[in-house]
Amino acid sequence: MPNSIYSEDHSDKEEKEFTLSVLTEDKAGLLNHITIIFNRRKMNITSLNVSTTEVKGVSRFTIVLTTTRETIEKVVKQIRKLIDVLGAFVYEEHQIYYQEIALYKLPTNIFLGGLKIENLVRSHGARILAIEEDHIVIEKTGHKEETHNLYKELEPYGILEFVRSGRVAISQSKRKTETFLKELEETKSNKLILNS
């Protein structure tokens, strides 16, 4: 029994990647309030994405960072205290479905030497988004490792520009956002906790 207690304590202090999902009202300045919480703790955000949800007037912040379970739980408690935050939840990779999108701009002339580049793009499940006189834009959707692997293979051909989006993620929970918000309204509190 002592061994299992020790391993639980140890895992709380082990650094790993977490995805935060924060439901908020559409209010100006909220991003600043949320990022201040991370800045105070000198925490580096790896990825940040803000999007609309299926509920009118409600946005979802998807924040990715590497830290300990103990630290992220403290941060989430602070975020939940913000007035316009409706809920904040922590997920590990196996608890969510997620994707990122990457764009690669390359010189058009690399395609003149045959089908090599075209086959490379296809083999990575990517697609050509735009063809211009002096450059081509390739789009790849996937996890960070997948977009990075394509980057490494395209790098020798002279990447002119590269950009990768923030993570978009949906939890594997069966509960709907709308159901959660109704329950929240009934409790008249922004501290309702959603289990995964």
C-alpha atoms as a PDB file:
ATOM      1  CA  MET A   1       0.000   0.000   0.000  1.00  0.00           C
ATOM      2  CA  PRO A   2       2.752   2.559   0.804  1.00  0.00           C
ATOM      3  CA  ASN A   3       4.189   1.980  -2.683  1.00  0.00           C
ATOM      4  CA  SER A   4       0.919   2.941  -4.414  1.00  0.00           C
ATOM      5  CA  ILE A   5       0.616   6.085  -2.276  1.00  0.00           C
ATOM      6  CA  TYR A   6       4.188   7.022  -3.131  1.00  0.00           C
ATOM      7  CA  SER A   7       3.614   6.529  -6.860  1.00  0.00           C
ATOM      8  CA  GLU A   8       0.476   8.719  -6.759  1.00  0.00           C
ATOM      9  CA  ASP A   9       2.414  11.511  -5.022  1.00  0.00           C
ATOM     10  CA  HIS A  10       5.276  11.064  -7.477  1.00  0.00           C
ATOM     11  CA  SER A  11       2.975  11.274 -10.523  1.00  0.00           C
ATOM     12  CA  ASP A  12       1.474  14.536  -9.210  1.00  0.00           C
ATOM     13  CA  LYS A  13       4.959  16.074  -9.265  1.00  0.00           C
ATOM     14  CA  GLU A  14       5.990  14.630 -12.646  1.00  0.00           C
ATOM     15  CA  GLU A  15       5.898  17.092 -15.553  1.00  0.00           C
ATOM     16  CA  LYS A  16       3.684  16.140 -18.505  1.00  0.00           C
ATOM     17  CA  GLU A  17       1.570  17.786 -21.188  1.00  0.00           C
ATOM     18  CA  PHE A  18      -1.923  18.933 -20.202  1.00  0.00           C
ATOM     19  CA  THR A  19      -4.745  20.456 -22.231  1.00  0.00           C
ATOM     20  CA  LEU A  20      -6.936  23.015 -20.494  1.00  0.00           C
ATOM     21  CA  SER A  21     -10.434  23.645 -21.802  1.00  0.00           C
ATOM     22  CA  VAL A  22     -11.932  26.890 -20.507  1.00  0.00           C
ATOM     23  CA  LEU A  23     -15.538  27.868 -21.268  1.00  0.00           C
ATOM     24  CA  THR A  24     -16.109  31.609 -21.058  1.00  0.00           C
ATOM     25  CA  GLU A  25     -18.625  34.297 -21.867  1.00  0.00           C
ATOM     26  CA  ASP A  26     -17.679  36.361 -24.931  1.00  0.00           C
ATOM     27  CA  LYS A  27     -16.124  39.317 -23.103  1.00  0.00           C
ATOM     28  CA  ALA A  28     -13.253  41.611 -24.072  1.00  0.00           C
ATOM     29  CA  GLY A  29     -10.069  41.426 -21.994  1.00  0.00           C
ATOM     30  CA  LEU A  30     -10.622  37.894 -20.714  1.00  0.00           C
ATOM     31  CA  LEU A  31      -7.560  36.497 -22.510  1.00  0.00           C
ATOM     32  CA  ASN A  32      -5.410  38.962 -20.574  1.00  0.00           C
ATOM     33  CA  HIS A  33      -6.894  37.867 -17.222  1.00  0.00           C
ATOM     34  CA  ILE A  34      -6.273  34.203 -18.037  1.00  0.00           C
ATOM     35  CA  THR A  35      -2.688  34.665 -19.262  1.00  0.00           C
ATOM     36  CA  ILE A  36      -1.792  36.739 -16.167  1.00  0.00           C
ATOM     37  CA  ILE A  37      -2.442  33.614 -14.059  1.00  0.00           C
ATOM     38  CA  PHE A  38       0.181  31.706 -16.083  1.00  0.00           C
ATOM     39  CA  ASN A  39       2.632  34.639 -16.133  1.00  0.00           C
ATOM     40  CA  ARG A  40       2.584  34.931 -12.344  1.00  0.00           C
ATOM     41  CA  ARG A  41       3.669  31.315 -12.078  1.00  0.00           C
ATOM     42  CA  LYS A  42       6.218  31.721 -14.907  1.00  0.00           C
ATOM     43  CA  MET A  43       4.459  28.988 -16.904  1.00  0.00           C
ATOM     44  CA  ASN A  44       5.019  28.724 -20.653  1.00  0.00           C
ATOM     45  CA  ILE A  45       1.942  28.161 -22.831  1.00  0.00           C
ATOM     46  CA  THR A  46       2.820  25.827 -25.722  1.00  0.00           C
ATOM     47  CA  SER A  47      -0.401  26.378 -27.647  1.00  0.00           C
ATOM     48  CA  LEU A  48      -3.426  28.659 -27.310  1.00  0.00           C
ATOM     49  CA  ASN A  49      -6.598  28.608 -29.363  1.00  0.00           C
ATOM     50  CA  VAL A  50      -9.863  30.497 -28.853  1.00  0.00           C
ATOM     51  CA  SER A  51     -12.987  29.454 -30.714  1.00  0.00           C
ATOM     52  CA  THR A  52     -16.746  29.690 -30.644  1.00  0.00           C
ATOM     53  CA  THR A  53     -18.774  26.772 -29.292  1.00  0.00           C
ATOM     54  CA  GLU A  54     -22.138  25.320 -30.211  1.00  0.00           C
ATOM     55  CA  VAL A  55     -23.664  27.595 -27.547  1.00  0.00           C
ATOM     56  CA  LYS A  56     -24.245  31.205 -28.620  1.00  0.00           C
ATOM     57  CA  GLY A  57     -22.222  33.719 -26.597  1.00  0.00           C
ATOM     58  CA  VAL A  58     -19.846  31.075 -25.195  1.00  0.00           C
ATOM     59  CA  SER A  59     -16.195  30.670 -26.260  1.00  0.00           C
ATOM     60  CA  ARG A  60     -13.720  27.883 -25.592  1.00  0.00           C
ATOM     61  CA  PHE A  61     -10.060  28.538 -24.784  1.00  0.00           C
ATOM     62  CA  THR A  62      -7.861  25.501 -25.489  1.00  0.00           C
ATOM     63  CA  ILE A  63      -4.526  25.906 -23.719  1.00  0.00           C
ATOM     64  CA  VAL A  64      -1.664  23.404 -23.896  1.00  0.00           C
ATOM     65  CA  LEU A  65       1.264  23.426 -21.485  1.00  0.00           C
ATOM     66  CA  THR A  66       3.734  21.146 -19.747  1.00  0.00           C
ATOM     67  CA  THR A  67       3.686  21.166 -15.956  1.00  0.00           C
ATOM     68  CA  THR A  68       2.829  18.944 -12.970  1.00  0.00           C
ATOM     69  CA  ARG A  69      -0.667  17.734 -12.069  1.00  0.00           C
ATOM     70  CA  GLU A  70      -0.354  19.536  -8.723  1.00  0.00           C
ATOM     71  CA  THR A  71       0.434  22.883 -10.397  1.00  0.00           C
ATOM     72  CA  ILE A  72      -2.216  22.631 -13.117  1.00  0.00           C
ATOM     73  CA  GLU A  73      -4.922  21.870 -10.532  1.00  0.00           C
ATOM     74  CA  LYS A  74      -3.984  25.061  -8.642  1.00  0.00           C
ATOM     75  CA  VAL A  75      -4.074  27.092 -11.866  1.00  0.00           C
ATOM     76  CA  VAL A  76      -7.498  25.713 -12.807  1.00  0.00           C
ATOM     77  CA  LYS A  77      -8.884  26.709  -9.392  1.00  0.00           C
ATOM     78  CA  GLN A  78      -7.673  30.271 -10.010  1.00  0.00           C
ATOM     79  CA  ILE A  79      -9.121  30.369 -13.536  1.00  0.00           C
ATOM     80  CA  ARG A  80     -12.514  29.167 -12.251  1.00  0.00           C
ATOM     81  CA  LYS A  81     -12.636  32.203  -9.928  1.00  0.00           C
ATOM     82  CA  LEU A  82     -12.614  34.656 -12.849  1.00  0.00           C
ATOM     83  CA  ILE A  83     -16.048  36.298 -13.258  1.00  0.00           C
ATOM     84  CA  ASP A  84     -16.626  35.493 -16.941  1.00  0.00           C
ATOM     85  CA  VAL A  85     -15.301  31.922 -16.752  1.00  0.00           C
ATOM     86  CA  LEU A  86     -18.104  29.357 -16.824  1.00  0.00           C
ATOM     87  CA  GLY A  87     -15.933  26.273 -16.378  1.00  0.00           C
ATOM     88  CA  ALA A  88     -12.321  25.102 -16.609  1.00  0.00           C
ATOM     89  CA  PHE A  89     -11.241  21.503 -17.098  1.00  0.00           C
ATOM     90  CA  VAL A  90      -7.910  19.660 -17.302  1.00  0.00           C
ATOM     91  CA  TYR A  91      -7.301  16.793 -19.695  1.00  0.00           C
ATOM     92  CA  GLU A  92      -4.444  14.452 -20.448  1.00  0.00           C
ATOM     93  CA  GLU A  93      -3.849  13.353 -24.041  1.00  0.00           C
ATOM     94  CA  HIS A  94      -5.844  10.103 -23.755  1.00  0.00           C
ATOM     95  CA  GLN A  95      -8.966  12.009 -22.586  1.00  0.00           C
ATOM     96  CA  ILE A  96      -9.403  14.178 -25.700  1.00  0.00           C
ATOM     97  CA  TYR A  97      -9.639  14.149 -29.482  1.00  0.00           C
ATOM     98  CA  TYR A  98      -7.364  16.832 -30.906  1.00  0.00           C
ATOM     99  CA  GLN A  99      -5.760  18.164 -34.072  1.00  0.00           C
ATOM    100  CA  GLU A 100      -3.493  20.960 -35.261  1.00  0.00           C
ATOM    101  CA  ILE A 101      -3.071  22.419 -38.726  1.00  0.00           C
ATOM    102  CA  ALA A 102       0.249  23.338 -40.337  1.00  0.00           C
ATOM    103  CA  LEU A 103       0.986  25.355 -43.475  1.00  0.00           C
ATOM    104  CA  TYR A 104       4.261  25.084 -45.413  1.00  0.00           C
ATOM    105  CA  LYS A 105       5.253  27.564 -48.137  1.00  0.00           C
ATOM    106  CA  LEU A 106       7.820  26.261 -50.636  1.00  0.00           C
ATOM    107  CA  PRO A 107       9.249  27.539 -53.929  1.00  0.00           C
ATOM    108  CA  THR A 108       7.237  26.350 -56.947  1.00  0.00           C
ATOM    109  CA  ASN A 109      10.336  25.197 -58.839  1.00  0.00           C
ATOM    110  CA  ILE A 110      10.829  22.192 -56.512  1.00  0.00           C
ATOM    111  CA  PHE A 111       7.800  20.612 -58.210  1.00  0.00           C
ATOM    112  CA  LEU A 112       9.411  20.806 -61.659  1.00  0.00           C
ATOM    113  CA  GLY A 113      11.662  17.804 -61.048  1.00  0.00           C
ATOM    114  CA  GLY A 114       8.907  15.187 -61.302  1.00  0.00           C
ATOM    115  CA  LEU A 115       6.464  13.615 -58.841  1.00  0.00           C
ATOM    116  CA  LYS A 116       8.838  13.215 -55.874  1.00  0.00           C
ATOM    117  CA  ILE A 117       7.460  16.139 -53.820  1.00  0.00           C
ATOM    118  CA  GLU A 118       3.864  15.418 -54.814  1.00  0.00           C
ATOM    119  CA  ASN A 119       4.252  11.809 -53.637  1.00  0.00           C
ATOM    120  CA  LEU A 120       5.873  13.006 -50.403  1.00  0.00           C
ATOM    121  CA  VAL A 121       2.928  15.314 -49.728  1.00  0.00           C
ATOM    122  CA  ARG A 122       0.419  12.512 -50.408  1.00  0.00           C
ATOM    123  CA  SER A 123       2.291   9.978 -48.262  1.00  0.00           C
ATOM    124  CA  HIS A 124       1.913  12.328 -45.280  1.00  0.00           C
ATOM    125  CA  GLY A 125      -1.820  12.809 -45.833  1.00  0.00           C
ATOM    126  CA  ALA A 126      -1.214  16.476 -46.676  1.00  0.00           C
ATOM    127  CA  ARG A 127      -2.630  18.473 -49.589  1.00  0.00           C
ATOM    128  CA  ILE A 128      -1.647  21.367 -51.825  1.00  0.00           C
ATOM    129  CA  LEU A 129      -3.653  24.382 -50.723  1.00  0.00           C
ATOM    130  CA  ALA A 130      -2.442  26.990 -53.239  1.00  0.00           C
ATOM    131  CA  ILE A 131      -0.234  27.120 -56.317  1.00  0.00           C
ATOM    132  CA  GLU A 132       1.261  30.485 -57.266  1.00  0.00           C
ATOM    133  CA  GLU A 133       3.921  31.469 -59.775  1.00  0.00           C
ATOM    134  CA  ASP A 134       6.737  31.600 -57.205  1.00  0.00           C
ATOM    135  CA  HIS A 135       5.460  29.465 -54.320  1.00  0.00           C
ATOM    136  CA  ILE A 136       3.203  26.589 -53.297  1.00  0.00           C
ATOM    137  CA  VAL A 137       1.382  26.211 -49.970  1.00  0.00           C
ATOM    138  CA  ILE A 138       0.936  22.739 -48.465  1.00  0.00           C
ATOM    139  CA  GLU A 139      -1.567  22.037 -45.684  1.00  0.00           C
ATOM    140  CA  LYS A 140      -1.229  19.204 -43.150  1.00  0.00           C
ATOM    141  CA  THR A 141      -3.682  18.396 -40.341  1.00  0.00           C
ATOM    142  CA  GLY A 142      -2.601  16.124 -37.507  1.00  0.00           C
ATOM    143  CA  HIS A 143      -0.733  15.947 -34.237  1.00  0.00           C
ATOM    144  CA  LYS A 144       2.410  17.998 -33.612  1.00  0.00           C
ATOM    145  CA  GLU A 145       4.694  15.012 -34.289  1.00  0.00           C
ATOM    146  CA  GLU A 146       3.042  14.404 -37.678  1.00  0.00           C
ATOM    147  CA  THR A 147       3.310  18.022 -38.833  1.00  0.00           C
ATOM    148  CA  HIS A 148       6.912  18.141 -37.589  1.00  0.00           C
ATOM    149  CA  ASN A 149       7.835  14.945 -39.486  1.00  0.00           C
ATOM    150  CA  LEU A 150       6.588  16.505 -42.744  1.00  0.00           C
ATOM    151  CA  TYR A 151       8.549  19.679 -41.901  1.00  0.00           C
ATOM    152  CA  LYS A 152      11.761  17.656 -41.567  1.00  0.00           C
ATOM    153  CA  GLU A 153      11.210  15.993 -44.959  1.00  0.00           C
ATOM    154  CA  LEU A 154      10.396  19.289 -46.709  1.00  0.00           C
ATOM    155  CA  GLU A 155      13.218  21.269 -45.081  1.00  0.00           C
ATOM    156  CA  PRO A 156      15.938  20.258 -47.586  1.00  0.00           C
ATOM    157  CA  TYR A 157      13.799  21.704 -50.413  1.00  0.00           C
ATOM    158  CA  GLY A 158      13.835  25.207 -48.898  1.00  0.00           C
ATOM    159  CA  ILE A 159      10.826  26.067 -46.744  1.00  0.00           C
ATOM    160  CA  LEU A 160      10.026  29.755 -47.251  1.00  0.00           C
ATOM    161  CA  GLU A 161       7.532  29.956 -44.388  1.00  0.00           C
ATOM    162  CA  PHE A 162       6.039  27.577 -41.829  1.00  0.00           C
ATOM    163  CA  VAL A 163       3.216  28.050 -39.338  1.00  0.00           C
ATOM    164  CA  ARG A 164       1.365  25.658 -37.044  1.00  0.00           C
ATOM    165  CA  SER A 165      -1.945  26.473 -35.382  1.00  0.00           C
ATOM    166  CA  GLY A 166      -2.866  26.026 -31.762  1.00  0.00           C
ATOM    167  CA  ARG A 167      -4.499  22.763 -30.748  1.00  0.00           C
ATOM    168  CA  VAL A 168      -8.235  22.296 -31.171  1.00  0.00           C
ATOM    169  CA  ALA A 169      -9.605  19.663 -28.816  1.00  0.00           C
ATOM    170  CA  ILE A 170     -12.858  18.029 -27.780  1.00  0.00           C
ATOM    171  CA  SER A 171     -13.143  15.906 -24.649  1.00  0.00           C
ATOM    172  CA  GLN A 172     -14.169  12.268 -24.785  1.00  0.00           C
ATOM    173  CA  SER A 173     -16.860  13.004 -22.185  1.00  0.00           C
ATOM    174  CA  LYS A 174     -20.442  12.329 -23.312  1.00  0.00           C
ATOM    175  CA  ARG A 175     -21.807  15.447 -21.613  1.00  0.00           C
ATOM    176  CA  LYS A 176     -22.864  18.288 -23.915  1.00  0.00           C
ATOM    177  CA  THR A 177     -21.655  21.846 -23.327  1.00  0.00           C
ATOM    178  CA  GLU A 178     -25.272  23.034 -23.297  1.00  0.00           C
ATOM    179  CA  THR A 179     -26.175  20.490 -20.572  1.00  0.00           C
ATOM    180  CA  PHE A 180     -23.213  21.617 -18.474  1.00  0.00           C
ATOM    181  CA  LEU A 181     -24.247  25.273 -18.792  1.00  0.00           C
ATOM    182  CA  LYS A 182     -27.846  24.477 -17.746  1.00  0.00           C
ATOM    183  CA  GLU A 183     -26.555  22.668 -14.665  1.00  0.00           C
ATOM    184  CA  LEU A 184     -24.283  25.621 -13.984  1.00  0.00           C
ATOM    185  CA  GLU A 185     -27.224  28.029 -14.181  1.00  0.00           C
ATOM    186  CA  GLU A 186     -29.199  25.885 -11.719  1.00  0.00           C
ATOM    187  CA  THR A 187     -26.318  25.954  -9.206  1.00  0.00           C
ATOM    188  CA  LYS A 188     -25.922  29.756  -9.707  1.00  0.00           C
ATOM    189  CA  SER A 189     -22.175  29.237  -9.343  1.00  0.00           C
ATOM    190  CA  ASN A 190     -19.217  29.157 -11.710  1.00  0.00           C
ATOM    191  CA  LYS A 191     -17.502  26.502  -9.623  1.00  0.00           C
ATOM    192  CA  LEU A 192     -19.432  23.442 -10.850  1.00  0.00           C
ATOM    193  CA  ILE A 193     -16.909  20.684 -11.510  1.00  0.00           C
ATOM    194  CA  LEU A 194     -17.238  18.498 -14.575  1.00  0.00           C
ATOM    195  CA  ASN A 195     -15.779  15.025 -14.275  1.00  0.00           C
ATOM    196  CA  SER A 196     -13.736  14.506 -17.441  1.00  0.00           C
END
